Amino acid sequence: MSPNNRTVIAMIFYAITNVTIEQKFSSFSVYTIMLYWSMIHIVICALLIGNNYQQGVPVDWPRGNALLLVIIIGLVFFAADYLYLSAYALKGDVVTLTTIFIALPAVAAFIKWVWLSASHQTGLVIPSLTVIGGYILVGSGVFLITKYG
């Protein structure tokens, strides 16, 4: 399955979970929901890793700096999940919250631009007009839908 197809399926799953969170889980403690989700992740990952070992498929575990980065990203995921779920607990509606969330590609592209510019030998890499136009369109779309949607 191609990366694009996987992403479309993931997006559909995320849409289903967002509506479910808004409709069924917004009254529960964010921490309990996250704890149950984490337990499910741990069990499924342990089973899949065990399956790989049984079939002789190597499992590459992060070590050294990569392990430290994985731990940091885990903390960032925790913070992101907490903030996103608590937005529903504070009675945020699914349309507004997911519309704000669609700014993710623009934010990710900006972060990647900063990251690459910092590591580039010649310094700052100027984004193209197409990329700048995309940032403006995303920002405008989020504003219009959250303000007037």
N, C-alpha and C. Protein backbone atom coordinates (compact mmCIF):
# COMPACT_ATOMS: atom_id res chain seq x y z
N MET A 1 0.86 -1.18 0.00
CA MET A 1 0.00 0.00 0.00
C MET A 1 0.90 1.24 0.00
N SER A 2 0.56 2.22 -0.81
CA SER A 2 1.40 3.40 -0.96
C SER A 2 1.29 4.30 0.27
N PRO A 3 2.28 5.16 0.48
CA PRO A 3 2.21 6.11 1.61
C PRO A 3 0.97 7.00 1.55
N ASN A 4 0.58 7.41 0.36
CA ASN A 4 -0.60 8.27 0.24
C ASN A 4 -1.87 7.53 0.64
N ASN A 5 -2.01 6.27 0.21
CA ASN A 5 -3.19 5.49 0.59
C ASN A 5 -3.24 5.27 2.10
N ARG A 6 -2.09 4.97 2.69
CA ARG A 6 -2.04 4.79 4.15
C ARG A 6 -2.47 6.07 4.87
N THR A 7 -2.03 7.21 4.34
CA THR A 7 -2.37 8.49 4.96
C THR A 7 -3.86 8.79 4.84
N VAL A 8 -4.44 8.48 3.70
CA VAL A 8 -5.89 8.69 3.53
C VAL A 8 -6.67 7.82 4.52
N ILE A 9 -6.27 6.57 4.66
CA ILE A 9 -6.94 5.68 5.61
C ILE A 9 -6.77 6.20 7.04
N ALA A 10 -5.56 6.65 7.38
CA ALA A 10 -5.32 7.21 8.71
C ALA A 10 -6.19 8.44 8.93
N MET A 11 -6.33 9.29 7.93
CA MET A 11 -7.16 10.48 8.05
C MET A 11 -8.61 10.11 8.32
N ILE A 12 -9.10 9.08 7.65
CA ILE A 12 -10.48 8.63 7.88
C ILE A 12 -10.61 8.13 9.32
N PHE A 13 -9.64 7.34 9.78
CA PHE A 13 -9.67 6.86 11.17
C PHE A 13 -9.63 8.03 12.15
N TYR A 14 -8.78 9.02 11.89
CA TYR A 14 -8.72 10.19 12.77
C TYR A 14 -10.04 10.96 12.77
N ALA A 15 -10.69 11.06 11.62
CA ALA A 15 -11.98 11.74 11.56
C ALA A 15 -13.02 11.01 12.40
N ILE A 16 -13.04 9.68 12.30
CA ILE A 16 -13.97 8.88 13.11
C ILE A 16 -13.69 9.08 14.59
N THR A 17 -12.40 9.04 14.98
CA THR A 17 -12.08 9.21 16.39
C THR A 17 -12.41 10.61 16.89
N ASN A 18 -12.23 11.63 16.05
CA ASN A 18 -12.55 12.99 16.48
C ASN A 18 -14.03 13.16 16.75
N VAL A 19 -14.86 12.64 15.88
CA VAL A 19 -16.31 12.73 16.11
C VAL A 19 -16.69 11.94 17.36
N THR A 20 -16.09 10.76 17.53
CA THR A 20 -16.38 9.94 18.72
C THR A 20 -15.95 10.65 19.99
N ILE A 21 -14.77 11.26 19.98
CA ILE A 21 -14.31 12.00 21.16
C ILE A 21 -15.29 13.11 21.50
N GLU A 22 -15.69 13.88 20.49
CA GLU A 22 -16.62 14.99 20.74
C GLU A 22 -17.96 14.49 21.29
N GLN A 23 -18.49 13.43 20.70
CA GLN A 23 -19.82 12.98 21.04
C GLN A 23 -19.88 12.11 22.30
N LYS A 24 -18.83 11.32 22.57
CA LYS A 24 -18.93 10.32 23.64
C LYS A 24 -17.93 10.50 24.78
N PHE A 25 -16.77 11.11 24.53
CA PHE A 25 -15.71 11.10 25.54
C PHE A 25 -15.39 12.45 26.15
N SER A 26 -16.01 13.54 25.69
CA SER A 26 -15.61 14.86 26.17
C SER A 26 -15.88 15.07 27.66
N SER A 27 -16.72 14.24 28.26
CA SER A 27 -17.00 14.40 29.69
C SER A 27 -16.06 13.60 30.58
N PHE A 28 -15.23 12.73 29.99
CA PHE A 28 -14.31 11.91 30.78
C PHE A 28 -12.99 12.62 30.98
N SER A 29 -12.23 12.16 31.95
CA SER A 29 -10.89 12.69 32.20
C SER A 29 -10.00 12.39 30.99
N VAL A 30 -9.31 13.41 30.55
CA VAL A 30 -8.39 13.26 29.42
C VAL A 30 -7.32 12.21 29.75
N TYR A 31 -6.85 12.21 31.00
CA TYR A 31 -5.78 11.28 31.39
C TYR A 31 -6.23 9.83 31.32
N THR A 32 -7.47 9.55 31.69
CA THR A 32 -7.92 8.15 31.65
C THR A 32 -8.04 7.67 30.21
N ILE A 33 -8.51 8.53 29.33
CA ILE A 33 -8.62 8.15 27.92
C ILE A 33 -7.22 7.88 27.36
N MET A 34 -6.29 8.78 27.67
CA MET A 34 -4.92 8.60 27.18
C MET A 34 -4.28 7.35 27.77
N LEU A 35 -4.58 7.04 29.01
CA LEU A 35 -4.02 5.84 29.64
C LEU A 35 -4.53 4.58 28.94
N TYR A 36 -5.83 4.51 28.69
CA TYR A 36 -6.38 3.35 27.99
C TYR A 36 -5.78 3.22 26.59
N TRP A 37 -5.69 4.34 25.87
CA TRP A 37 -5.11 4.29 24.53
C TRP A 37 -3.67 3.81 24.59
N SER A 38 -2.91 4.30 25.56
CA SER A 38 -1.50 3.90 25.67
C SER A 38 -1.36 2.41 25.96
N MET A 39 -2.24 1.89 26.83
CA MET A 39 -2.19 0.46 27.13
C MET A 39 -2.45 -0.37 25.88
N ILE A 40 -3.40 0.07 25.07
CA ILE A 40 -3.71 -0.63 23.82
C ILE A 40 -2.50 -0.57 22.88
N HIS A 41 -1.88 0.59 22.78
CA HIS A 41 -0.68 0.72 21.93
C HIS A 41 0.43 -0.21 22.39
N ILE A 42 0.66 -0.28 23.70
CA ILE A 42 1.73 -1.13 24.24
C ILE A 42 1.47 -2.60 23.92
N VAL A 43 0.25 -3.05 24.14
CA VAL A 43 -0.08 -4.46 23.90
C VAL A 43 0.08 -4.80 22.42
N ILE A 44 -0.48 -3.97 21.54
CA ILE A 44 -0.40 -4.26 20.10
C ILE A 44 1.04 -4.23 19.62
N CYS A 45 1.81 -3.22 20.05
CA CYS A 45 3.22 -3.14 19.63
C CYS A 45 4.01 -4.34 20.14
N ALA A 46 3.78 -4.74 21.39
CA ALA A 46 4.49 -5.90 21.95
C ALA A 46 4.17 -7.16 21.15
N LEU A 47 2.91 -7.35 20.79
CA LEU A 47 2.52 -8.52 19.99
C LEU A 47 3.17 -8.50 18.61
N LEU A 48 3.19 -7.33 17.97
CA LEU A 48 3.79 -7.23 16.64
C LEU A 48 5.31 -7.43 16.68
N ILE A 49 5.96 -6.90 17.71
CA ILE A 49 7.40 -7.11 17.86
C ILE A 49 7.69 -8.60 18.12
N GLY A 50 6.90 -9.22 18.99
CA GLY A 50 7.04 -10.65 19.25
C GLY A 50 6.86 -11.47 17.98
N ASN A 51 5.89 -11.08 17.16
CA ASN A 51 5.66 -11.77 15.89
C ASN A 51 6.86 -11.63 14.98
N ASN A 52 7.44 -10.44 14.93
CA ASN A 52 8.63 -10.25 14.10
C ASN A 52 9.77 -11.14 14.57
N TYR A 53 9.99 -11.21 15.88
CA TYR A 53 11.05 -12.07 16.42
C TYR A 53 10.80 -13.54 16.06
N GLN A 54 9.55 -13.98 16.17
CA GLN A 54 9.23 -15.37 15.85
C GLN A 54 9.48 -15.69 14.39
N GLN A 55 9.25 -14.72 13.53
CA GLN A 55 9.44 -14.95 12.10
C GLN A 55 10.85 -14.63 11.62
N GLY A 56 11.72 -14.27 12.58
CA GLY A 56 13.11 -13.98 12.23
C GLY A 56 13.33 -12.63 11.57
N VAL A 57 12.34 -11.76 11.66
CA VAL A 57 12.47 -10.42 11.11
C VAL A 57 13.19 -9.55 12.14
N PRO A 58 14.30 -8.92 11.75
CA PRO A 58 15.03 -8.11 12.73
C PRO A 58 14.22 -6.90 13.18
N VAL A 59 14.35 -6.58 14.46
CA VAL A 59 13.69 -5.42 15.04
C VAL A 59 14.80 -4.45 15.45
N ASP A 60 14.82 -3.30 14.82
CA ASP A 60 15.86 -2.32 15.08
C ASP A 60 15.38 -1.36 16.17
N TRP A 61 15.98 -1.44 17.34
CA TRP A 61 15.61 -0.58 18.47
C TRP A 61 16.48 0.68 18.46
N PRO A 62 15.89 1.85 18.72
CA PRO A 62 16.70 3.06 18.80
C PRO A 62 17.70 2.97 19.96
N ARG A 63 18.90 3.51 19.73
CA ARG A 63 19.94 3.51 20.76
C ARG A 63 20.58 4.89 20.81
N GLY A 64 21.22 5.19 21.92
CA GLY A 64 21.99 6.42 22.05
C GLY A 64 21.14 7.66 21.84
N ASN A 65 21.62 8.54 20.96
CA ASN A 65 20.92 9.80 20.70
C ASN A 65 19.53 9.56 20.09
N ALA A 66 19.40 8.52 19.29
CA ALA A 66 18.09 8.22 18.68
C ALA A 66 17.09 7.84 19.77
N LEU A 67 17.53 7.10 20.80
CA LEU A 67 16.64 6.74 21.91
C LEU A 67 16.21 7.98 22.68
N LEU A 68 17.15 8.88 22.92
CA LEU A 68 16.82 10.12 23.62
C LEU A 68 15.81 10.93 22.81
N LEU A 69 16.00 11.00 21.50
CA LEU A 69 15.07 11.73 20.65
C LEU A 69 13.69 11.07 20.65
N VAL A 70 13.64 9.73 20.66
CA VAL A 70 12.36 9.02 20.73
C VAL A 70 11.63 9.37 22.03
N ILE A 71 12.35 9.43 23.12
CA ILE A 71 11.75 9.78 24.42
C ILE A 71 11.22 11.21 24.38
N ILE A 72 11.99 12.12 23.82
CA ILE A 72 11.54 13.52 23.72
C ILE A 72 10.29 13.62 22.86
N ILE A 73 10.29 12.92 21.73
CA ILE A 73 9.11 12.94 20.85
C ILE A 73 7.91 12.32 21.56
N GLY A 74 8.14 11.28 22.38
CA GLY A 74 7.06 10.70 23.18
C GLY A 74 6.44 11.73 24.11
N LEU A 75 7.27 12.55 24.73
CA LEU A 75 6.77 13.63 25.60
C LEU A 75 6.00 14.66 24.79
N VAL A 76 6.49 14.97 23.60
CA VAL A 76 5.79 15.93 22.74
C VAL A 76 4.43 15.36 22.31
N PHE A 77 4.40 14.06 21.94
CA PHE A 77 3.13 13.42 21.58
C PHE A 77 2.15 13.46 22.77
N PHE A 78 2.66 13.20 23.97
CA PHE A 78 1.80 13.25 25.14
C PHE A 78 1.19 14.64 25.29
N ALA A 79 2.04 15.67 25.20
CA ALA A 79 1.55 17.05 25.34
C ALA A 79 0.53 17.37 24.24
N ALA A 80 0.82 16.98 23.00
CA ALA A 80 -0.10 17.25 21.90
C ALA A 80 -1.43 16.54 22.09
N ASP A 81 -1.39 15.27 22.46
CA ASP A 81 -2.63 14.52 22.71
C ASP A 81 -3.42 15.15 23.85
N TYR A 82 -2.72 15.51 24.93
CA TYR A 82 -3.41 16.11 26.08
C TYR A 82 -4.09 17.42 25.66
N LEU A 83 -3.37 18.28 24.98
CA LEU A 83 -3.95 19.58 24.59
C LEU A 83 -5.12 19.39 23.63
N TYR A 84 -4.97 18.46 22.69
CA TYR A 84 -6.02 18.24 21.70
C TYR A 84 -7.27 17.64 22.36
N LEU A 85 -7.08 16.62 23.20
CA LEU A 85 -8.22 16.01 23.87
C LEU A 85 -8.87 16.97 24.86
N SER A 86 -8.07 17.75 25.56
CA SER A 86 -8.65 18.68 26.52
C SER A 86 -9.43 19.78 25.83
N ALA A 87 -9.12 20.07 24.56
CA ALA A 87 -9.92 21.04 23.81
C ALA A 87 -11.36 20.54 23.68
N TYR A 88 -11.52 19.23 23.49
CA TYR A 88 -12.87 18.66 23.45
C TYR A 88 -13.51 18.69 24.84
N ALA A 89 -12.73 18.41 25.88
CA ALA A 89 -13.25 18.44 27.25
C ALA A 89 -13.73 19.84 27.62
N LEU A 90 -13.14 20.86 26.99
CA LEU A 90 -13.56 22.24 27.23
C LEU A 90 -14.68 22.66 26.28
N LYS A 91 -15.34 21.66 25.69
CA LYS A 91 -16.51 21.83 24.83
C LYS A 91 -16.19 22.41 23.46
N GLY A 92 -14.97 22.16 22.97
CA GLY A 92 -14.66 22.52 21.60
C GLY A 92 -15.44 21.62 20.66
N ASP A 93 -15.85 22.17 19.52
CA ASP A 93 -16.63 21.34 18.59
C ASP A 93 -15.72 20.78 17.51
N VAL A 94 -16.12 19.64 16.99
CA VAL A 94 -15.28 18.87 16.07
C VAL A 94 -14.93 19.65 14.81
N VAL A 95 -15.84 20.42 14.28
CA VAL A 95 -15.57 21.15 13.04
C VAL A 95 -14.50 22.21 13.28
N THR A 96 -14.65 23.00 14.34
CA THR A 96 -13.67 24.05 14.62
C THR A 96 -12.31 23.46 14.94
N LEU A 97 -12.26 22.45 15.81
CA LEU A 97 -10.97 21.90 16.22
C LEU A 97 -10.25 21.21 15.07
N THR A 98 -10.97 20.45 14.26
CA THR A 98 -10.29 19.78 13.15
C THR A 98 -9.91 20.78 12.06
N THR A 99 -10.67 21.85 11.91
CA THR A 99 -10.31 22.89 10.94
C THR A 99 -9.01 23.57 11.36
N ILE A 100 -8.88 23.88 12.63
CA ILE A 100 -7.62 24.45 13.12
C ILE A 100 -6.49 23.46 12.88
N PHE A 101 -6.79 22.18 13.10
CA PHE A 101 -5.77 21.14 12.97
C PHE A 101 -5.28 20.98 11.53
N ILE A 102 -6.11 21.38 10.54
CA ILE A 102 -5.66 21.23 9.15
C ILE A 102 -4.53 22.18 8.81
N ALA A 103 -4.22 23.09 9.70
CA ALA A 103 -3.05 23.94 9.49
C ALA A 103 -1.76 23.16 9.70
N LEU A 104 -1.86 21.90 10.15
CA LEU A 104 -0.68 21.08 10.42
C LEU A 104 0.30 21.02 9.26
N PRO A 105 -0.13 20.81 8.01
CA PRO A 105 0.86 20.76 6.92
C PRO A 105 1.65 22.06 6.78
N ALA A 106 0.98 23.19 6.94
CA ALA A 106 1.67 24.47 6.82
C ALA A 106 2.66 24.66 7.97
N VAL A 107 2.25 24.30 9.18
CA VAL A 107 3.14 24.41 10.33
C VAL A 107 4.32 23.45 10.18
N ALA A 108 4.04 22.22 9.76
CA ALA A 108 5.12 21.24 9.56
C ALA A 108 6.09 21.71 8.48
N ALA A 109 5.57 22.27 7.39
CA ALA A 109 6.44 22.78 6.33
C ALA A 109 7.30 23.93 6.85
N PHE A 110 6.73 24.80 7.67
CA PHE A 110 7.50 25.90 8.24
C PHE A 110 8.60 25.39 9.16
N ILE A 111 8.26 24.42 10.02
CA ILE A 111 9.26 23.84 10.93
C ILE A 111 10.37 23.17 10.12
N LYS A 112 10.00 22.44 9.07
CA LYS A 112 11.01 21.80 8.23
C LYS A 112 11.89 22.85 7.55
N TRP A 113 11.29 23.95 7.12
CA TRP A 113 12.05 25.03 6.51
C TRP A 113 13.06 25.61 7.49
N VAL A 114 12.63 25.85 8.75
CA VAL A 114 13.54 26.36 9.77
C VAL A 114 14.65 25.34 10.03
N TRP A 115 14.27 24.08 10.16
CA TRP A 115 15.24 22.99 10.43
C TRP A 115 16.29 22.92 9.33
N LEU A 116 15.81 22.90 8.07
CA LEU A 116 16.74 22.78 6.94
C LEU A 116 17.59 24.05 6.79
N SER A 117 17.00 25.21 7.04
CA SER A 117 17.76 26.45 6.95
C SER A 117 18.87 26.48 7.99
N ALA A 118 18.57 25.96 9.20
CA ALA A 118 19.57 25.94 10.26
C ALA A 118 20.71 24.99 9.93
N SER A 119 20.42 23.92 9.19
CA SER A 119 21.45 22.94 8.88
C SER A 119 22.10 23.17 7.52
N HIS A 120 21.59 24.14 6.76
CA HIS A 120 22.11 24.41 5.42
C HIS A 120 23.41 25.20 5.51
N GLN A 121 24.37 24.86 4.67
CA GLN A 121 25.69 25.50 4.71
C GLN A 121 25.62 26.99 4.41
N THR A 122 24.74 27.40 3.51
CA THR A 122 24.69 28.81 3.11
C THR A 122 23.72 29.62 3.94
N GLY A 123 23.10 29.01 4.93
CA GLY A 123 22.18 29.75 5.80
C GLY A 123 20.74 29.64 5.36
N LEU A 124 20.03 30.73 5.50
CA LEU A 124 18.59 30.77 5.27
C LEU A 124 18.23 30.41 3.83
N VAL A 125 17.28 29.47 3.69
CA VAL A 125 16.75 29.09 2.39
C VAL A 125 15.39 29.76 2.25
N ILE A 126 15.22 30.59 1.25
CA ILE A 126 13.99 31.35 1.06
C ILE A 126 12.93 30.43 0.43
N PRO A 127 11.72 30.36 1.04
CA PRO A 127 10.67 29.53 0.43
C PRO A 127 10.17 30.17 -0.87
N SER A 128 9.66 29.33 -1.75
CA SER A 128 9.15 29.82 -3.02
C SER A 128 7.83 30.57 -2.82
N LEU A 129 7.44 31.32 -3.82
CA LEU A 129 6.17 32.04 -3.75
C LEU A 129 4.99 31.08 -3.64
N THR A 130 5.12 29.91 -4.25
CA THR A 130 4.07 28.89 -4.15
C THR A 130 3.89 28.45 -2.70
N VAL A 131 4.99 28.23 -2.00
CA VAL A 131 4.92 27.82 -0.60
C VAL A 131 4.33 28.94 0.25
N ILE A 132 4.78 30.16 0.03
CA ILE A 132 4.24 31.31 0.78
C ILE A 132 2.74 31.45 0.50
N GLY A 133 2.35 31.29 -0.77
CA GLY A 133 0.93 31.35 -1.11
C GLY A 133 0.14 30.26 -0.41
N GLY A 134 0.73 29.06 -0.29
CA GLY A 134 0.07 27.97 0.43
C GLY A 134 -0.15 28.31 1.89
N TYR A 135 0.85 28.93 2.52
CA TYR A 135 0.69 29.36 3.92
C TYR A 135 -0.48 30.34 4.06
N ILE A 136 -0.55 31.28 3.14
CA ILE A 136 -1.62 32.28 3.18
C ILE A 136 -2.98 31.62 2.98
N LEU A 137 -3.07 30.69 2.03
CA LEU A 137 -4.35 29.99 1.79
C LEU A 137 -4.78 29.16 2.99
N VAL A 138 -3.86 28.44 3.59
CA VAL A 138 -4.20 27.63 4.76
C VAL A 138 -4.67 28.52 5.89
N GLY A 139 -3.92 29.57 6.16
CA GLY A 139 -4.31 30.49 7.24
C GLY A 139 -5.66 31.12 6.99
N SER A 140 -5.90 31.53 5.74
CA SER A 140 -7.19 32.13 5.39
C SER A 140 -8.33 31.13 5.54
N GLY A 141 -8.10 29.90 5.07
CA GLY A 141 -9.14 28.88 5.19
C GLY A 141 -9.49 28.57 6.62
N VAL A 142 -8.49 28.40 7.47
CA VAL A 142 -8.73 28.14 8.88
C VAL A 142 -9.49 29.30 9.51
N PHE A 143 -9.06 30.51 9.21
CA PHE A 143 -9.74 31.69 9.76
C PHE A 143 -11.20 31.74 9.33
N LEU A 144 -11.45 31.59 8.04
CA LEU A 144 -12.81 31.70 7.53
C LEU A 144 -13.74 30.61 8.10
N ILE A 145 -13.26 29.38 8.15
CA ILE A 145 -14.12 28.31 8.64
C ILE A 145 -14.37 28.44 10.14
N THR A 146 -13.35 28.79 10.91
CA THR A 146 -13.56 28.90 12.36
C THR A 146 -14.36 30.16 12.72
N LYS A 147 -14.24 31.20 11.92
CA LYS A 147 -14.94 32.46 12.22
C LYS A 147 -16.37 32.43 11.70
N TYR A 148 -16.59 31.90 10.51
CA TYR A 148 -17.90 31.99 9.87
C TYR A 148 -18.53 30.63 9.56
N GLY A 149 -17.85 29.53 9.87
CA GLY A 149 -18.33 28.20 9.50
C GLY A 149 -19.40 27.67 10.39
